[in-house]
Amino acid sequence: MYSLILKDILMLKKMLLLIVGFIALFYFLENPPVMAISLAGIIFISSTGSFEDRSNSHIMLNSLPINRKSIISSKYVGAILFGIFATVLATLFQMIFYFILDAYNKPLPNANQLVLGMLIILLFSALYFPILYKFGEKYTRIILMIVIFGFIIFGQMAMYALKGNVEVFQLFLNQFTFTQLTITGFAITIIVFIFSWLATIKIYEAKDF
């Protein structure tokens, strides 16, 4: 599995340099860390899937003595490792921008935003990989656009429905501490991530190359 993860990193080493610059730009513009982390993760993960699908490297990988479960597992482990990488990088950039440019009030980013950025990367991976291996890169882009617009429309409808009950919703959330909400969100994300991993393995094992 280590070799498969290393393959993705080497395959997209130029993309990694662009992502480092991307995160630096977000910090230079004083955007919240969660935006830099999550968008960097989405770009990297979708780039690995897109490059692999277009280059038909699945044929080469499946000709090697590697089981398909390991191929898929390397993608999910790689997503976790990149999330950690983006989080550490975001922390370093905030420290640099704090001490050198005095652009932030604190040397370390808000822990809430770091956790949220990591969770967004994991949730995107859980959504992206099963769709990619089921329908291919071309249709995945279309499906993801439909899903994103669906979330936007649903979010607007939910905001409109809750317009007169915002205070009630806030009172409900205030019953819980940030730690409780974080643990709940993390637990739900891990469950979805594991379910997606198992589903993608089934999809990939059933494919003919």
C-alpha atoms as a PDB file:
ATOM      1  CA  MET A   1       0.000   0.000   0.000  1.00  0.00           C
ATOM      2  CA  TYR A   2       2.922   2.341   0.735  1.00  0.00           C
ATOM      3  CA  SER A   3       4.059   2.048  -2.901  1.00  0.00           C
ATOM      4  CA  LEU A   4       0.562   2.909  -4.168  1.00  0.00           C
ATOM      5  CA  ILE A   5       0.356   6.022  -1.990  1.00  0.00           C
ATOM      6  CA  LEU A   6       3.877   7.045  -3.050  1.00  0.00           C
ATOM      7  CA  LYS A   7       2.831   6.576  -6.696  1.00  0.00           C
ATOM      8  CA  ASP A   8       0.002   9.107  -6.284  1.00  0.00           C
ATOM      9  CA  ILE A   9       2.310  11.604  -4.582  1.00  0.00           C
ATOM     10  CA  LEU A  10       5.012  11.320  -7.264  1.00  0.00           C
ATOM     11  CA  MET A  11       2.402  11.390 -10.019  1.00  0.00           C
ATOM     12  CA  LEU A  12       1.062  14.700  -8.733  1.00  0.00           C
ATOM     13  CA  LYS A  13       4.183  16.276  -7.229  1.00  0.00           C
ATOM     14  CA  LYS A  14       3.727  19.374  -9.396  1.00  0.00           C
ATOM     15  CA  MET A  15       0.121  19.569  -8.222  1.00  0.00           C
ATOM     16  CA  LEU A  16       1.344  19.449  -4.613  1.00  0.00           C
ATOM     17  CA  LEU A  17       3.539  22.490  -5.263  1.00  0.00           C
ATOM     18  CA  LEU A  18       0.542  24.309  -6.731  1.00  0.00           C
ATOM     19  CA  ILE A  19      -1.533  23.366  -3.670  1.00  0.00           C
ATOM     20  CA  VAL A  20       1.148  24.741  -1.347  1.00  0.00           C
ATOM     21  CA  GLY A  21       0.999  27.991  -3.315  1.00  0.00           C
ATOM     22  CA  PHE A  22      -2.799  27.858  -3.242  1.00  0.00           C
ATOM     23  CA  ILE A  23      -2.875  27.600   0.565  1.00  0.00           C
ATOM     24  CA  ALA A  24      -0.300  30.401   0.841  1.00  0.00           C
ATOM     25  CA  LEU A  25      -2.464  32.618  -1.396  1.00  0.00           C
ATOM     26  CA  PHE A  26      -5.527  31.968   0.766  1.00  0.00           C
ATOM     27  CA  TYR A  27      -3.579  33.003   3.839  1.00  0.00           C
ATOM     28  CA  PHE A  28      -2.193  36.065   2.090  1.00  0.00           C
ATOM     29  CA  LEU A  29      -5.810  37.077   1.357  1.00  0.00           C
ATOM     30  CA  GLU A  30      -6.613  36.371   5.046  1.00  0.00           C
ATOM     31  CA  ASN A  31      -9.258  33.732   4.316  1.00  0.00           C
ATOM     32  CA  PRO A  32     -10.335  31.286   7.041  1.00  0.00           C
ATOM     33  CA  PRO A  33      -8.077  28.187   7.299  1.00  0.00           C
ATOM     34  CA  VAL A  34     -11.045  25.864   6.705  1.00  0.00           C
ATOM     35  CA  MET A  35     -11.380  27.202   3.148  1.00  0.00           C
ATOM     36  CA  ALA A  36      -7.712  26.637   2.319  1.00  0.00           C
ATOM     37  CA  ILE A  37      -7.648  23.122   3.824  1.00  0.00           C
ATOM     38  CA  SER A  38     -10.909  21.849   2.356  1.00  0.00           C
ATOM     39  CA  LEU A  39     -10.429  23.292  -1.142  1.00  0.00           C
ATOM     40  CA  ALA A  40      -6.829  22.047  -1.295  1.00  0.00           C
ATOM     41  CA  GLY A  41      -8.040  18.568  -0.328  1.00  0.00           C
ATOM     42  CA  ILE A  42     -10.817  18.597  -2.908  1.00  0.00           C
ATOM     43  CA  ILE A  43      -8.385  19.682  -5.650  1.00  0.00           C
ATOM     44  CA  PHE A  44      -5.800  17.031  -4.767  1.00  0.00           C
ATOM     45  CA  ILE A  45      -8.231  14.113  -4.380  1.00  0.00           C
ATOM     46  CA  SER A  46     -10.152  14.903  -7.559  1.00  0.00           C
ATOM     47  CA  SER A  47      -6.841  15.344  -9.429  1.00  0.00           C
ATOM     48  CA  THR A  48      -5.588  11.890  -8.409  1.00  0.00           C
ATOM     49  CA  GLY A  49      -8.814  10.269  -9.562  1.00  0.00           C
ATOM     50  CA  SER A  50      -8.948  12.269 -12.774  1.00  0.00           C
ATOM     51  CA  PHE A  51      -5.325  11.562 -13.762  1.00  0.00           C
ATOM     52  CA  GLU A  52      -5.622   7.845 -13.020  1.00  0.00           C
ATOM     53  CA  ASP A  53      -8.852   7.495 -14.981  1.00  0.00           C
ATOM     54  CA  ARG A  54      -7.569   9.400 -18.017  1.00  0.00           C
ATOM     55  CA  SER A  55      -4.259   7.535 -18.137  1.00  0.00           C
ATOM     56  CA  ASN A  56      -6.011   4.148 -17.795  1.00  0.00           C
ATOM     57  CA  SER A  57      -3.502   3.151 -15.122  1.00  0.00           C
ATOM     58  CA  HIS A  58      -6.113   0.730 -13.724  1.00  0.00           C
ATOM     59  CA  ILE A  59      -5.119  -1.737 -16.448  1.00  0.00           C
ATOM     60  CA  MET A  60      -1.474  -1.600 -15.411  1.00  0.00           C
ATOM     61  CA  LEU A  61      -2.261  -1.811 -11.681  1.00  0.00           C
ATOM     62  CA  ASN A  62      -4.514  -4.822 -12.138  1.00  0.00           C
ATOM     63  CA  SER A  63      -1.792  -6.632 -14.084  1.00  0.00           C
ATOM     64  CA  LEU A  64       0.465  -6.469 -11.011  1.00  0.00           C
ATOM     65  CA  PRO A  65       0.309  -8.853  -8.042  1.00  0.00           C
ATOM     66  CA  ILE A  66      -1.749  -6.357  -6.031  1.00  0.00           C
ATOM     67  CA  ASN A  67      -5.241  -7.107  -4.823  1.00  0.00           C
ATOM     68  CA  ARG A  68      -7.969  -4.610  -5.625  1.00  0.00           C
ATOM     69  CA  LYS A  69      -8.764  -3.980  -1.971  1.00  0.00           C
ATOM     70  CA  SER A  70      -5.261  -2.582  -1.475  1.00  0.00           C
ATOM     71  CA  ILE A  71      -5.626  -0.290  -4.499  1.00  0.00           C
ATOM     72  CA  ILE A  72      -8.806   1.250  -3.110  1.00  0.00           C
ATOM     73  CA  SER A  73      -7.548   1.322   0.474  1.00  0.00           C
ATOM     74  CA  SER A  74      -4.499   3.318  -0.654  1.00  0.00           C
ATOM     75  CA  LYS A  75      -6.831   6.036  -1.989  1.00  0.00           C
ATOM     76  CA  TYR A  76      -8.647   6.369   1.318  1.00  0.00           C
ATOM     77  CA  VAL A  77      -5.454   6.292   3.386  1.00  0.00           C
ATOM     78  CA  GLY A  78      -3.969   8.841   0.987  1.00  0.00           C
ATOM     79  CA  ALA A  79      -6.967  11.134   1.557  1.00  0.00           C
ATOM     80  CA  ILE A  80      -6.413  10.951   5.325  1.00  0.00           C
ATOM     81  CA  LEU A  81      -2.683  11.632   4.969  1.00  0.00           C
ATOM     82  CA  PHE A  82      -3.306  14.577   2.661  1.00  0.00           C
ATOM     83  CA  GLY A  83      -5.845  15.987   5.124  1.00  0.00           C
ATOM     84  CA  ILE A  84      -3.192  15.829   7.844  1.00  0.00           C
ATOM     85  CA  PHE A  85      -0.630  17.377   5.470  1.00  0.00           C
ATOM     86  CA  ALA A  86      -2.979  20.253   4.565  1.00  0.00           C
ATOM     87  CA  THR A  87      -3.804  20.849   8.245  1.00  0.00           C
ATOM     88  CA  VAL A  88      -0.132  20.972   9.261  1.00  0.00           C
ATOM     89  CA  LEU A  89       0.672  23.198   6.279  1.00  0.00           C
ATOM     90  CA  ALA A  90      -2.161  25.577   7.162  1.00  0.00           C
ATOM     91  CA  THR A  91      -0.852  25.793  10.733  1.00  0.00           C
ATOM     92  CA  LEU A  92       2.677  26.561   9.543  1.00  0.00           C
ATOM     93  CA  PHE A  93       1.458  29.229   7.142  1.00  0.00           C
ATOM     94  CA  GLN A  94      -0.550  30.980   9.846  1.00  0.00           C
ATOM     95  CA  MET A  95       2.524  31.007  12.089  1.00  0.00           C
ATOM     96  CA  ILE A  96       4.609  32.488   9.249  1.00  0.00           C
ATOM     97  CA  PHE A  97       2.007  35.101   8.366  1.00  0.00           C
ATOM     98  CA  TYR A  98       1.527  35.980  12.049  1.00  0.00           C
ATOM     99  CA  PHE A  99       5.208  36.517  12.840  1.00  0.00           C
ATOM    100  CA  ILE A 100       6.306  38.015   9.513  1.00  0.00           C
ATOM    101  CA  LEU A 101       3.327  39.890   8.076  1.00  0.00           C
ATOM    102  CA  ASP A 102       1.288  40.393  11.260  1.00  0.00           C
ATOM    103  CA  ALA A 103      -1.786  39.335   9.264  1.00  0.00           C
ATOM    104  CA  TYR A 104      -3.481  37.295  12.001  1.00  0.00           C
ATOM    105  CA  ASN A 105      -4.347  37.874  15.658  1.00  0.00           C
ATOM    106  CA  LYS A 106      -3.059  34.464  16.761  1.00  0.00           C
ATOM    107  CA  PRO A 107      -0.016  32.405  15.725  1.00  0.00           C
ATOM    108  CA  LEU A 108      -2.104  29.219  15.507  1.00  0.00           C
ATOM    109  CA  PRO A 109      -5.344  28.753  13.556  1.00  0.00           C
ATOM    110  CA  ASN A 110      -8.626  28.076  15.289  1.00  0.00           C
ATOM    111  CA  ALA A 111      -8.846  24.362  16.156  1.00  0.00           C
ATOM    112  CA  ASN A 112     -12.510  24.330  15.087  1.00  0.00           C
ATOM    113  CA  GLN A 113     -11.547  25.283  11.542  1.00  0.00           C
ATOM    114  CA  LEU A 114      -8.746  22.716  11.353  1.00  0.00           C
ATOM    115  CA  VAL A 115     -11.122  19.937  12.430  1.00  0.00           C
ATOM    116  CA  LEU A 116     -13.844  21.140  10.059  1.00  0.00           C
ATOM    117  CA  GLY A 117     -11.389  21.287   7.149  1.00  0.00           C
ATOM    118  CA  MET A 118     -10.273  17.718   7.818  1.00  0.00           C
ATOM    119  CA  LEU A 119     -13.876  16.490   8.070  1.00  0.00           C
ATOM    120  CA  ILE A 120     -14.775  18.156   4.766  1.00  0.00           C
ATOM    121  CA  ILE A 121     -11.862  16.361   3.057  1.00  0.00           C
ATOM    122  CA  LEU A 122     -12.988  13.000   4.460  1.00  0.00           C
ATOM    123  CA  LEU A 123     -16.626  13.591   3.492  1.00  0.00           C
ATOM    124  CA  PHE A 124     -15.645  14.657  -0.030  1.00  0.00           C
ATOM    125  CA  SER A 125     -13.497  11.514  -0.381  1.00  0.00           C
ATOM    126  CA  ALA A 126     -16.384   9.369   0.839  1.00  0.00           C
ATOM    127  CA  LEU A 127     -18.619  10.882  -1.828  1.00  0.00           C
ATOM    128  CA  TYR A 128     -16.073  11.114  -4.646  1.00  0.00           C
ATOM    129  CA  PHE A 129     -14.417   7.682  -4.759  1.00  0.00           C
ATOM    130  CA  PRO A 130     -17.493   5.414  -5.078  1.00  0.00           C
ATOM    131  CA  ILE A 131     -18.939   7.660  -7.789  1.00  0.00           C
ATOM    132  CA  LEU A 132     -15.576   7.775  -9.615  1.00  0.00           C
ATOM    133  CA  TYR A 133     -15.078   4.015  -9.690  1.00  0.00           C
ATOM    134  CA  LYS A 134     -18.705   3.360 -10.571  1.00  0.00           C
ATOM    135  CA  PHE A 135     -19.181   5.884 -13.387  1.00  0.00           C
ATOM    136  CA  GLY A 136     -15.715   7.106 -14.403  1.00  0.00           C
ATOM    137  CA  GLU A 137     -14.163  10.571 -14.270  1.00  0.00           C
ATOM    138  CA  LYS A 138     -16.315  12.148 -17.000  1.00  0.00           C
ATOM    139  CA  TYR A 139     -19.660  11.376 -15.403  1.00  0.00           C
ATOM    140  CA  THR A 140     -18.304  11.955 -11.891  1.00  0.00           C
ATOM    141  CA  ARG A 141     -17.801  15.654 -12.632  1.00  0.00           C
ATOM    142  CA  ILE A 142     -21.420  15.942 -13.817  1.00  0.00           C
ATOM    143  CA  ILE A 143     -22.791  14.016 -10.832  1.00  0.00           C
ATOM    144  CA  LEU A 144     -20.744  16.082  -8.353  1.00  0.00           C
ATOM    145  CA  MET A 145     -22.001  19.315  -9.908  1.00  0.00           C
ATOM    146  CA  ILE A 146     -25.585  18.088  -9.550  1.00  0.00           C
ATOM    147  CA  VAL A 147     -24.928  17.045  -5.929  1.00  0.00           C
ATOM    148  CA  ILE A 148     -23.295  20.395  -5.080  1.00  0.00           C
ATOM    149  CA  PHE A 149     -26.134  22.385  -6.614  1.00  0.00           C
ATOM    150  CA  GLY A 150     -28.583  20.083  -4.828  1.00  0.00           C
ATOM    151  CA  PHE A 151     -26.923  20.857  -1.490  1.00  0.00           C
ATOM    152  CA  ILE A 152     -27.021  24.586  -2.253  1.00  0.00           C
ATOM    153  CA  ILE A 153     -30.724  24.460  -3.136  1.00  0.00           C
ATOM    154  CA  PHE A 154     -31.494  22.261  -0.116  1.00  0.00           C
ATOM    155  CA  GLY A 155     -29.511  24.619   2.120  1.00  0.00           C
ATOM    156  CA  GLN A 156     -31.444  27.628   0.835  1.00  0.00           C
ATOM    157  CA  MET A 157     -34.751  25.828   1.346  1.00  0.00           C
ATOM    158  CA  ALA A 158     -33.694  24.806   4.859  1.00  0.00           C
ATOM    159  CA  MET A 159     -32.663  28.384   5.677  1.00  0.00           C
ATOM    160  CA  TYR A 160     -36.028  29.644   4.428  1.00  0.00           C
ATOM    161  CA  ALA A 161     -37.910  26.978   6.414  1.00  0.00           C
ATOM    162  CA  LEU A 162     -35.954  27.789   9.583  1.00  0.00           C
ATOM    163  CA  LYS A 163     -36.159  31.548   9.064  1.00  0.00           C
ATOM    164  CA  GLY A 164     -38.687  31.991  11.850  1.00  0.00           C
ATOM    165  CA  ASN A 165     -37.111  29.347  14.087  1.00  0.00           C
ATOM    166  CA  VAL A 166     -33.458  30.377  14.112  1.00  0.00           C
ATOM    167  CA  GLU A 167     -33.523  31.096  17.834  1.00  0.00           C
ATOM    168  CA  VAL A 168     -35.056  27.687  18.566  1.00  0.00           C
ATOM    169  CA  PHE A 169     -32.333  26.011  16.501  1.00  0.00           C
ATOM    170  CA  GLN A 170     -29.623  27.999  18.279  1.00  0.00           C
ATOM    171  CA  LEU A 171     -31.068  27.063  21.675  1.00  0.00           C
ATOM    172  CA  PHE A 172     -30.994  23.416  20.628  1.00  0.00           C
ATOM    173  CA  LEU A 173     -27.316  23.631  19.620  1.00  0.00           C
ATOM    174  CA  ASN A 174     -26.456  25.533  22.795  1.00  0.00           C
ATOM    175  CA  GLN A 175     -27.414  22.445  24.803  1.00  0.00           C
ATOM    176  CA  PHE A 176     -24.220  20.810  23.584  1.00  0.00           C
ATOM    177  CA  THR A 177     -20.599  21.775  24.079  1.00  0.00           C
ATOM    178  CA  PHE A 178     -18.240  22.251  21.138  1.00  0.00           C
ATOM    179  CA  THR A 179     -16.441  19.052  22.169  1.00  0.00           C
ATOM    180  CA  GLN A 180     -19.700  17.075  22.031  1.00  0.00           C
ATOM    181  CA  LEU A 181     -20.587  18.487  18.599  1.00  0.00           C
ATOM    182  CA  THR A 182     -17.064  17.784  17.311  1.00  0.00           C
ATOM    183  CA  ILE A 183     -17.103  14.197  18.558  1.00  0.00           C
ATOM    184  CA  THR A 184     -20.548  13.640  17.029  1.00  0.00           C
ATOM    185  CA  GLY A 185     -19.498  15.120  13.681  1.00  0.00           C
ATOM    186  CA  PHE A 186     -16.256  13.135  13.717  1.00  0.00           C
ATOM    187  CA  ALA A 187     -18.096   9.879  14.528  1.00  0.00           C
ATOM    188  CA  ILE A 188     -20.640  10.409  11.734  1.00  0.00           C
ATOM    189  CA  THR A 189     -17.856  11.268   9.266  1.00  0.00           C
ATOM    190  CA  ILE A 190     -15.852   8.147  10.165  1.00  0.00           C
ATOM    191  CA  ILE A 191     -18.929   5.928   9.761  1.00  0.00           C
ATOM    192  CA  VAL A 192     -19.682   7.445   6.342  1.00  0.00           C
ATOM    193  CA  PHE A 193     -15.985   7.167   5.377  1.00  0.00           C
ATOM    194  CA  ILE A 194     -15.785   3.475   6.320  1.00  0.00           C
ATOM    195  CA  PHE A 195     -19.079   2.675   4.572  1.00  0.00           C
ATOM    196  CA  SER A 196     -17.816   4.471   1.439  1.00  0.00           C
ATOM    197  CA  TRP A 197     -14.507   2.547   1.573  1.00  0.00           C
ATOM    198  CA  LEU A 198     -16.306  -0.816   1.769  1.00  0.00           C
ATOM    199  CA  ALA A 199     -18.747   0.168  -0.999  1.00  0.00           C
ATOM    200  CA  THR A 200     -15.919   1.333  -3.290  1.00  0.00           C
ATOM    201  CA  ILE A 201     -14.050  -1.941  -2.778  1.00  0.00           C
ATOM    202  CA  LYS A 202     -17.173  -3.851  -3.875  1.00  0.00           C
ATOM    203  CA  ILE A 203     -17.593  -1.588  -6.908  1.00  0.00           C
ATOM    204  CA  TYR A 204     -13.931  -1.896  -7.924  1.00  0.00           C
ATOM    205  CA  GLU A 205     -13.778  -5.662  -7.448  1.00  0.00           C
ATOM    206  CA  ALA A 206     -16.803  -6.054  -9.744  1.00  0.00           C
ATOM    207  CA  LYS A 207     -15.317  -3.971 -12.576  1.00  0.00           C
ATOM    208  CA  ASP A 208     -13.733  -5.444 -15.702  1.00  0.00           C
ATOM    209  CA  PHE A 209     -10.593  -3.779 -17.084  1.00  0.00           C
END
